Structure formats: C-alpha cells, structure tokens
Amino acid sequence: MTIPSPTDPVAVLSGLYAAESAYLAAGGPGKATFDLLAPFFAPDAVLHQAEGLPYGGTWRGHAGLDAPFTPGRIG
C-alpha cells in the first residue's frame, strides 16, 4: 500500500482506512501482516496505552504497534 501525499490529510486518512480494511479482510490480528498499515506510521512511532487496559503498556516501532493486536504475541 502506498501512502498518499502527507500534505493532504483527507487522502492520508482515507488511505489509512483503506489499509485497515485490507488488513482486516486479510484476517486481521494474528493472520494479516502489519506491512499493510506500516506506511502510515513512522518506524519509530510510540503507542502508549493505559496500564489498566488489556494491552496496556508502551509499544515502539512497527513491531510494537502490531503487538497489541496480535493474539499470543504479548503476555
């Protein structure tokens, strides 16, 4: 999936939604590859989720962003 021009926020968001749809259509977490979504996130992106959530913690990079959505990948 190719990311649209970063200067057009509507195109970027539409592209992200299309990538997410493709990811889910390919089986979603645990089955699809995060490569479909990766172009929309910086390689050093950081996701912070509250510790009280099922996947609470800090997730770094593409592998980290994929981990909370992949069953069995985290404790």
N, C-alpha and C. Protein backbone atom coordinates (compact mmCIF):
# COMPACT_ATOMS: atom_id res chain seq x y z
N MET A 1 0.86 -1.17 0.00
CA MET A 1 0.00 0.00 0.00
C MET A 1 0.89 1.22 0.00
N THR A 2 0.54 2.21 -0.81
CA THR A 2 1.32 3.43 -0.92
C THR A 2 0.63 4.53 -0.14
N ILE A 3 1.41 5.25 0.65
CA ILE A 3 0.84 6.34 1.42
C ILE A 3 0.66 7.56 0.52
N PRO A 4 -0.48 8.24 0.63
CA PRO A 4 -0.71 9.44 -0.17
C PRO A 4 0.18 10.59 0.31
N SER A 5 0.13 11.69 -0.41
CA SER A 5 0.90 12.88 -0.04
C SER A 5 0.57 13.28 1.38
N PRO A 6 1.60 13.48 2.22
CA PRO A 6 1.34 13.84 3.61
C PRO A 6 0.75 15.25 3.76
N THR A 7 0.65 16.00 2.67
CA THR A 7 0.08 17.34 2.75
C THR A 7 -1.43 17.35 2.58
N ASP A 8 -2.02 16.21 2.26
CA ASP A 8 -3.47 16.12 2.09
C ASP A 8 -4.04 15.21 3.18
N PRO A 9 -4.47 15.80 4.31
CA PRO A 9 -4.90 14.97 5.44
C PRO A 9 -6.08 14.06 5.11
N VAL A 10 -6.98 14.48 4.25
CA VAL A 10 -8.12 13.64 3.91
C VAL A 10 -7.65 12.41 3.13
N ALA A 11 -6.70 12.61 2.21
CA ALA A 11 -6.16 11.49 1.44
C ALA A 11 -5.41 10.52 2.34
N VAL A 12 -4.66 11.05 3.31
CA VAL A 12 -3.92 10.19 4.24
C VAL A 12 -4.90 9.36 5.07
N LEU A 13 -5.91 10.00 5.62
CA LEU A 13 -6.88 9.29 6.44
C LEU A 13 -7.65 8.26 5.61
N SER A 14 -8.03 8.63 4.41
CA SER A 14 -8.72 7.68 3.52
C SER A 14 -7.82 6.49 3.20
N GLY A 15 -6.53 6.77 2.97
CA GLY A 15 -5.58 5.69 2.71
C GLY A 15 -5.41 4.78 3.90
N LEU A 16 -5.37 5.37 5.10
CA LEU A 16 -5.25 4.57 6.32
C LEU A 16 -6.48 3.67 6.50
N TYR A 17 -7.65 4.22 6.27
CA TYR A 17 -8.87 3.41 6.38
C TYR A 17 -8.87 2.28 5.35
N ALA A 18 -8.41 2.56 4.14
CA ALA A 18 -8.33 1.52 3.11
C ALA A 18 -7.34 0.44 3.52
N ALA A 19 -6.20 0.85 4.09
CA ALA A 19 -5.19 -0.12 4.55
C ALA A 19 -5.75 -0.96 5.69
N GLU A 20 -6.46 -0.33 6.60
CA GLU A 20 -7.06 -1.06 7.72
C GLU A 20 -8.10 -2.05 7.21
N SER A 21 -8.89 -1.65 6.24
CA SER A 21 -9.88 -2.56 5.65
C SER A 21 -9.20 -3.76 5.00
N ALA A 22 -8.11 -3.50 4.28
CA ALA A 22 -7.36 -4.60 3.64
C ALA A 22 -6.76 -5.52 4.70
N TYR A 23 -6.25 -4.93 5.78
CA TYR A 23 -5.67 -5.69 6.89
C TYR A 23 -6.73 -6.62 7.50
N LEU A 24 -7.91 -6.08 7.75
CA LEU A 24 -8.97 -6.88 8.34
C LEU A 24 -9.49 -7.93 7.37
N ALA A 25 -9.58 -7.57 6.09
CA ALA A 25 -10.03 -8.53 5.08
C ALA A 25 -9.05 -9.69 4.92
N ALA A 26 -7.77 -9.42 5.21
CA ALA A 26 -6.73 -10.46 5.10
C ALA A 26 -6.65 -11.31 6.37
N GLY A 27 -7.56 -11.09 7.30
CA GLY A 27 -7.58 -11.92 8.51
C GLY A 27 -7.35 -11.15 9.78
N GLY A 28 -6.87 -9.93 9.68
CA GLY A 28 -6.68 -9.09 10.86
C GLY A 28 -5.59 -9.59 11.79
N PRO A 29 -5.70 -9.22 13.07
CA PRO A 29 -4.67 -9.55 14.05
C PRO A 29 -4.34 -11.04 14.10
N GLY A 30 -3.07 -11.33 14.07
CA GLY A 30 -2.61 -12.71 14.16
C GLY A 30 -2.57 -13.43 12.83
N LYS A 31 -3.18 -12.87 11.80
CA LYS A 31 -3.21 -13.52 10.50
C LYS A 31 -2.65 -12.62 9.39
N ALA A 32 -3.07 -11.37 9.38
CA ALA A 32 -2.61 -10.44 8.34
C ALA A 32 -1.27 -9.83 8.73
N THR A 33 -0.56 -9.34 7.76
CA THR A 33 0.72 -8.69 8.03
C THR A 33 0.52 -7.20 8.30
N PHE A 34 1.25 -6.68 9.26
CA PHE A 34 1.19 -5.26 9.60
C PHE A 34 1.76 -4.41 8.46
N ASP A 35 2.42 -5.03 7.51
CA ASP A 35 3.01 -4.30 6.37
C ASP A 35 1.96 -3.46 5.64
N LEU A 36 0.71 -3.86 5.70
CA LEU A 36 -0.35 -3.09 5.06
C LEU A 36 -0.55 -1.74 5.74
N LEU A 37 -0.33 -1.68 7.04
CA LEU A 37 -0.52 -0.45 7.81
C LEU A 37 0.77 0.33 8.04
N ALA A 38 1.90 -0.33 7.96
CA ALA A 38 3.18 0.27 8.30
C ALA A 38 3.48 1.60 7.60
N PRO A 39 3.14 1.78 6.32
CA PRO A 39 3.47 3.05 5.67
C PRO A 39 2.81 4.27 6.31
N PHE A 40 1.79 4.06 7.12
CA PHE A 40 1.08 5.16 7.73
C PHE A 40 1.64 5.54 9.10
N PHE A 41 2.66 4.83 9.55
CA PHE A 41 3.27 5.09 10.85
C PHE A 41 4.78 5.23 10.70
N ALA A 42 5.35 6.19 11.41
CA ALA A 42 6.80 6.34 11.41
C ALA A 42 7.43 5.08 11.99
N PRO A 43 8.62 4.69 11.48
CA PRO A 43 9.28 3.49 12.00
C PRO A 43 9.54 3.56 13.51
N ASP A 44 9.66 4.78 14.04
CA ASP A 44 9.94 4.93 15.47
C ASP A 44 8.70 5.40 16.24
N ALA A 45 7.51 5.14 15.71
CA ALA A 45 6.27 5.53 16.38
C ALA A 45 6.18 4.88 17.75
N VAL A 46 5.52 5.57 18.67
CA VAL A 46 5.32 5.06 20.03
C VAL A 46 3.83 5.14 20.36
N LEU A 47 3.29 4.04 20.84
CA LEU A 47 1.89 3.97 21.26
C LEU A 47 1.86 3.74 22.76
N HIS A 48 1.19 4.63 23.47
CA HIS A 48 1.04 4.48 24.92
C HIS A 48 -0.41 4.09 25.20
N GLN A 49 -0.59 2.98 25.90
CA GLN A 49 -1.93 2.57 26.31
C GLN A 49 -1.93 2.45 27.83
N ALA A 50 -3.03 2.86 28.43
CA ALA A 50 -3.15 2.83 29.88
C ALA A 50 -2.89 1.42 30.41
N GLU A 51 -2.19 1.33 31.51
CA GLU A 51 -1.85 0.03 32.10
C GLU A 51 -3.08 -0.79 32.46
N GLY A 52 -4.20 -0.15 32.72
CA GLY A 52 -5.41 -0.87 33.09
C GLY A 52 -6.10 -1.55 31.91
N LEU A 53 -5.68 -1.25 30.69
CA LEU A 53 -6.27 -1.88 29.51
C LEU A 53 -5.67 -3.27 29.30
N PRO A 54 -6.39 -4.13 28.58
CA PRO A 54 -5.86 -5.48 28.35
C PRO A 54 -4.47 -5.50 27.71
N TYR A 55 -4.18 -4.52 26.86
CA TYR A 55 -2.87 -4.46 26.20
C TYR A 55 -2.14 -3.20 26.64
N GLY A 56 -2.25 -2.88 27.91
CA GLY A 56 -1.61 -1.69 28.44
C GLY A 56 -0.10 -1.76 28.34
N GLY A 57 0.50 -0.60 28.16
CA GLY A 57 1.95 -0.53 28.09
C GLY A 57 2.38 0.45 27.01
N THR A 58 3.65 0.45 26.74
CA THR A 58 4.23 1.30 25.72
C THR A 58 4.76 0.42 24.61
N TRP A 59 4.34 0.69 23.39
CA TRP A 59 4.69 -0.11 22.23
C TRP A 59 5.49 0.75 21.27
N ARG A 60 6.63 0.27 20.82
CA ARG A 60 7.54 1.07 19.99
C ARG A 60 7.79 0.42 18.64
N GLY A 61 7.83 1.27 17.61
CA GLY A 61 8.15 0.82 16.27
C GLY A 61 7.03 0.00 15.65
N HIS A 62 7.23 -0.41 14.40
CA HIS A 62 6.20 -1.17 13.69
C HIS A 62 5.88 -2.47 14.40
N ALA A 63 6.88 -3.19 14.88
CA ALA A 63 6.62 -4.46 15.59
C ALA A 63 5.84 -4.20 16.87
N GLY A 64 6.14 -3.10 17.53
CA GLY A 64 5.43 -2.76 18.75
C GLY A 64 3.98 -2.37 18.48
N LEU A 65 3.76 -1.63 17.41
CA LEU A 65 2.39 -1.23 17.09
C LEU A 65 1.53 -2.43 16.71
N ASP A 66 2.14 -3.43 16.14
CA ASP A 66 1.40 -4.64 15.75
C ASP A 66 1.11 -5.53 16.96
N ALA A 67 1.97 -5.53 17.94
CA ALA A 67 1.87 -6.47 19.06
C ALA A 67 0.54 -6.44 19.82
N PRO A 68 0.00 -5.27 20.17
CA PRO A 68 -1.26 -5.30 20.94
C PRO A 68 -2.42 -5.93 20.19
N PHE A 69 -2.33 -6.00 18.88
CA PHE A 69 -3.43 -6.51 18.08
C PHE A 69 -3.23 -7.96 17.67
N THR A 70 -2.12 -8.55 18.06
CA THR A 70 -1.79 -9.90 17.64
C THR A 70 -1.92 -10.86 18.82
N PRO A 71 -2.97 -11.69 18.84
CA PRO A 71 -3.17 -12.63 19.96
C PRO A 71 -1.93 -13.51 20.18
N GLY A 72 -1.57 -13.68 21.44
CA GLY A 72 -0.47 -14.55 21.79
C GLY A 72 0.92 -13.90 21.67
N ARG A 73 1.00 -12.69 21.13
CA ARG A 73 2.30 -12.04 20.98
C ARG A 73 2.76 -11.35 22.25
N ILE A 74 1.82 -11.07 23.15
CA ILE A 74 2.20 -10.39 24.38
C ILE A 74 1.65 -11.18 25.56
N GLY A 75 2.25 -10.97 26.72
CA GLY A 75 1.88 -11.70 27.89
C GLY A 75 0.54 -11.38 28.40
